Protein backbone atom coordinates (compact mmCIF):
# COMPACT_ATOMS: atom_id res chain seq x y z
CA MET A 1 0.00 0.00 0.00
CA PHE A 2 2.85 2.35 0.86
CA LYS A 3 4.52 1.53 -2.44
CA ALA A 4 1.35 2.38 -4.42
CA PHE A 5 1.00 5.67 -2.56
CA THR A 6 4.62 6.67 -3.21
CA ASN A 7 4.27 5.71 -6.89
CA SER A 8 1.17 7.90 -7.25
CA VAL A 9 2.89 10.86 -5.50
CA ILE A 10 5.95 10.49 -7.74
CA LEU A 11 3.72 10.25 -10.81
CA PHE A 12 1.86 13.40 -9.71
CA PHE A 13 5.13 15.35 -9.32
CA LEU A 14 6.37 14.10 -12.70
CA VAL A 15 3.17 15.28 -14.38
CA ILE A 16 3.44 18.69 -12.69
CA MET A 17 7.11 19.01 -13.70
CA ASN A 18 6.27 17.99 -17.27
CA MET A 19 3.52 20.63 -17.49
CA THR A 20 5.78 23.38 -16.11
CA LEU A 21 8.52 22.42 -18.57
CA PHE A 22 6.02 22.53 -21.44
CA ILE A 23 4.70 25.95 -20.37
CA TRP A 24 8.26 27.29 -20.02
CA CYS A 25 9.08 26.09 -23.56
CA VAL A 26 5.98 27.73 -25.01
CA ASN A 27 6.82 31.01 -23.23
CA GLN A 28 10.38 30.90 -24.61
CA LEU A 29 9.05 30.47 -28.15
CA GLU A 30 6.88 33.60 -28.01
CA LEU A 31 8.33 36.13 -30.40
CA GLY A 32 8.51 39.85 -29.76
CA SER A 33 7.60 39.96 -26.08
CA SER A 34 10.05 38.85 -23.48
CA THR A 35 8.09 40.28 -20.57
CA VAL A 36 4.38 40.17 -20.01
CA LYS A 37 2.84 43.64 -19.91
CA ARG A 38 -0.09 43.72 -17.56
CA THR A 39 -2.75 46.35 -18.06
CA LEU A 40 -6.00 47.00 -16.35
CA PHE A 41 -9.14 46.37 -18.39
CA VAL A 42 -10.31 49.91 -17.61
CA GLU A 43 -7.28 51.39 -19.39
CA VAL A 44 -7.84 49.18 -22.42
CA GLN A 45 -11.50 50.10 -22.51
CA ALA A 46 -10.66 53.81 -22.29
CA GLU A 47 -8.15 53.51 -25.14
CA THR A 48 -10.57 51.73 -27.45
CA SER A 49 -13.47 54.08 -26.80
CA THR A 50 -11.50 57.13 -27.95
CA SER A 51 -9.62 55.58 -30.84
CA ALA A 52 -12.23 53.33 -32.44
CA GLN A 53 -14.80 55.65 -33.94
CA LYS A 54 -16.59 54.41 -37.03
CA SER A 55 -18.72 56.39 -39.40
CA VAL A 56 -22.39 55.54 -39.44
CA GLN A 57 -23.89 54.75 -42.82
CA ARG A 58 -27.52 55.60 -43.32
CA ILE A 59 -29.55 52.96 -45.15
CA GLU A 60 -32.70 54.19 -46.81
CA ALA A 61 -35.82 52.04 -46.81
CA VAL A 62 -37.08 50.90 -50.19
CA THR A 63 -40.72 51.83 -50.71
CA GLN A 64 -43.12 51.45 -53.60
CA ARG A 65 -43.50 55.20 -53.95
CA PRO A 66 -40.80 57.81 -53.36
CA ILE A 67 -40.97 59.81 -50.17
CA LEU A 68 -41.38 63.48 -51.04
CA ASN A 69 -38.99 66.11 -49.72
CA SER A 70 -39.89 68.44 -46.88
CA SER A 71 -40.93 71.33 -49.13
CA THR A 72 -43.79 69.36 -50.70
CA ARG A 73 -44.99 67.83 -47.43
CA THR A 74 -47.63 69.39 -45.30
CA PRO A 75 -46.24 68.80 -41.81
CA TYR A 76 -49.46 69.28 -39.88
CA ALA A 77 -52.05 68.49 -42.50
CA ILE A 78 -55.61 68.69 -41.29
CA HIS A 79 -57.64 65.88 -42.78
CA GLN A 80 -61.27 65.84 -43.74
CA ASP A 81 -63.86 64.56 -41.30
CA LYS A 82 -65.31 62.07 -43.77
CA PRO A 83 -63.15 59.51 -45.55
CA SER A 84 -62.59 60.04 -49.25
CA GLN A 85 -62.33 56.28 -49.87
CA GLN A 86 -62.92 53.16 -47.85
CA VAL A 87 -62.74 49.43 -48.36
CA VAL A 88 -63.98 46.49 -46.29
CA LEU A 89 -61.67 43.47 -46.18
CA GLN A 90 -62.89 40.02 -45.20
CA PHE A 91 -60.51 37.69 -43.35
CA LYS A 92 -60.87 33.95 -43.06
CA PRO A 93 -61.64 32.81 -39.50
CA GLU A 94 -58.51 32.60 -37.31
CA HIS A 95 -56.20 33.85 -40.10
CA ILE A 96 -53.84 36.77 -39.64
CA ARG A 97 -53.10 37.51 -43.31
CA LEU A 98 -55.46 38.26 -46.15
CA ASP A 99 -56.10 35.62 -48.77
CA LYS A 100 -54.92 36.26 -52.35
CA THR A 101 -58.18 37.78 -53.63
CA GLU A 102 -58.59 40.23 -50.74
CA GLN A 103 -54.92 41.18 -50.95
CA ALA A 104 -55.22 41.85 -54.70
CA LYS A 105 -58.40 43.84 -54.03
CA LEU A 106 -56.62 46.09 -51.53
CA GLU A 107 -53.52 46.56 -53.70
CA ASN A 108 -55.60 47.44 -56.78
CA ARG A 109 -57.63 49.98 -54.81
CA LEU A 110 -54.51 51.55 -53.33
CA GLN A 111 -52.97 51.97 -56.78
CA SER A 112 -56.16 53.28 -58.38
CA TRP A 113 -56.84 55.85 -55.63
CA ASP A 114 -53.41 57.48 -56.11
CA ILE A 115 -52.65 57.82 -52.41
CA GLN A 116 -49.84 60.26 -51.59
CA ILE A 117 -47.68 60.77 -48.53
CA PHE A 118 -49.97 63.47 -47.11
CA HIS A 119 -53.05 61.21 -47.01
CA SER A 120 -54.10 59.65 -43.73
CA VAL A 121 -55.34 56.08 -43.25
CA LYS A 122 -57.35 54.68 -40.36
CA ILE A 123 -57.76 50.93 -40.04
CA PHE A 124 -60.59 49.54 -37.92
CA SER A 125 -60.89 45.94 -36.82
CA GLY A 126 -63.80 44.24 -35.14
CA ALA A 127 -64.11 41.39 -32.72
CA THR A 128 -62.72 38.01 -33.68
CA LEU A 129 -63.70 34.70 -32.19
CA SER A 130 -61.34 31.91 -31.28
CA ILE A 131 -62.04 28.18 -31.51
CA LYS A 132 -63.86 28.26 -28.17
CA ASN A 133 -66.06 31.19 -29.34
CA GLY A 134 -64.36 33.64 -27.00
CA GLN A 135 -63.22 37.10 -28.09
CA PHE A 136 -59.62 37.22 -29.22
CA PRO A 137 -58.42 40.87 -29.52
CA GLN A 138 -54.80 39.88 -30.23
CA LEU A 139 -55.87 38.34 -33.54
CA ALA A 140 -57.63 41.58 -34.48
CA LYS A 141 -54.47 43.54 -33.70
CA LEU A 142 -52.32 41.23 -35.84
CA ARG A 143 -54.76 41.55 -38.74
CA VAL A 144 -54.67 45.33 -38.59
CA GLN A 145 -50.88 45.29 -38.49
CA SER A 146 -50.68 43.05 -41.57
CA VAL A 147 -52.98 45.44 -43.48
CA ALA A 148 -50.92 48.42 -42.27
CA ARG A 149 -47.76 46.82 -43.69
CA MET A 150 -49.39 46.80 -47.12
CA ILE A 151 -50.48 50.45 -46.84
CA TYR A 152 -47.29 51.86 -45.34
CA PRO A 153 -45.37 52.22 -48.67
CA TYR A 154 -48.10 54.57 -49.90
CA THR A 155 -48.46 56.76 -46.82
CA GLN A 156 -46.80 56.66 -43.41
CA THR A 157 -49.76 58.23 -41.57
CA VAL A 158 -51.51 55.03 -40.53
CA LYS A 159 -53.59 54.72 -37.37
CA MET A 160 -55.07 51.48 -36.07
CA TYR A 161 -58.27 51.14 -34.04
CA TYR A 162 -60.27 48.37 -32.41
CA GLN A 163 -64.01 48.83 -32.83
CA SER A 164 -66.36 46.18 -31.50
CA SER A 165 -69.27 47.31 -33.70
CA ILE A 166 -67.59 46.03 -36.89
CA GLU A 167 -68.65 42.60 -38.12
CA LYS A 168 -66.55 39.64 -37.07
CA ASP A 169 -63.52 38.84 -39.30
CA GLU A 170 -63.77 42.19 -41.10
CA VAL A 171 -61.28 45.03 -41.32
CA LEU A 172 -62.37 48.48 -42.48
CA VAL A 173 -59.80 50.74 -44.16
CA LYS A 174 -60.67 54.45 -44.40
CA ILE A 175 -58.52 56.89 -46.36
CA PHE A 176 -58.70 60.59 -45.56
CA SER A 177 -57.56 63.38 -47.88
CA PRO A 178 -56.08 66.59 -46.49
CA LYS A 179 -58.25 69.70 -46.44
CA ASN A 180 -57.38 72.22 -49.11
């Protein structure tokens, strides 16, 4: 038993000596730095914050219609009380996105109405029912947001409303022209 213990202690010291010899050899092979320079991380952080300044590149969003410059925009346009155009979109039960026919209907109307940046759009959504016939307002919100994504390239003045009086699975889009 004593012999096994001494053999394990000797083996442990040999492994430690072998590791220290290996580390010493690796340190001797390092080129260019004979001594280790120790710096605080605060100093390194301070150096990098002042020296590493990058220029910010602005990336413009691609839209279907060009955004007009500030001289042609009416910054605080007052819109009419009654909508100039409106469309009622029908969603399938428990669907967030429009089907192909309703989507084509909305896109055709948006292109034919010649909506500009100074028009205002209000989107109304009614109650939706889930599988258990309970009201599900999150689904109505997601529907309105998907319609707003389609309208946003035409005008950025889009407001979304929840109105319980609208028929179930319907979304009403009202477009307002600015007062002259």
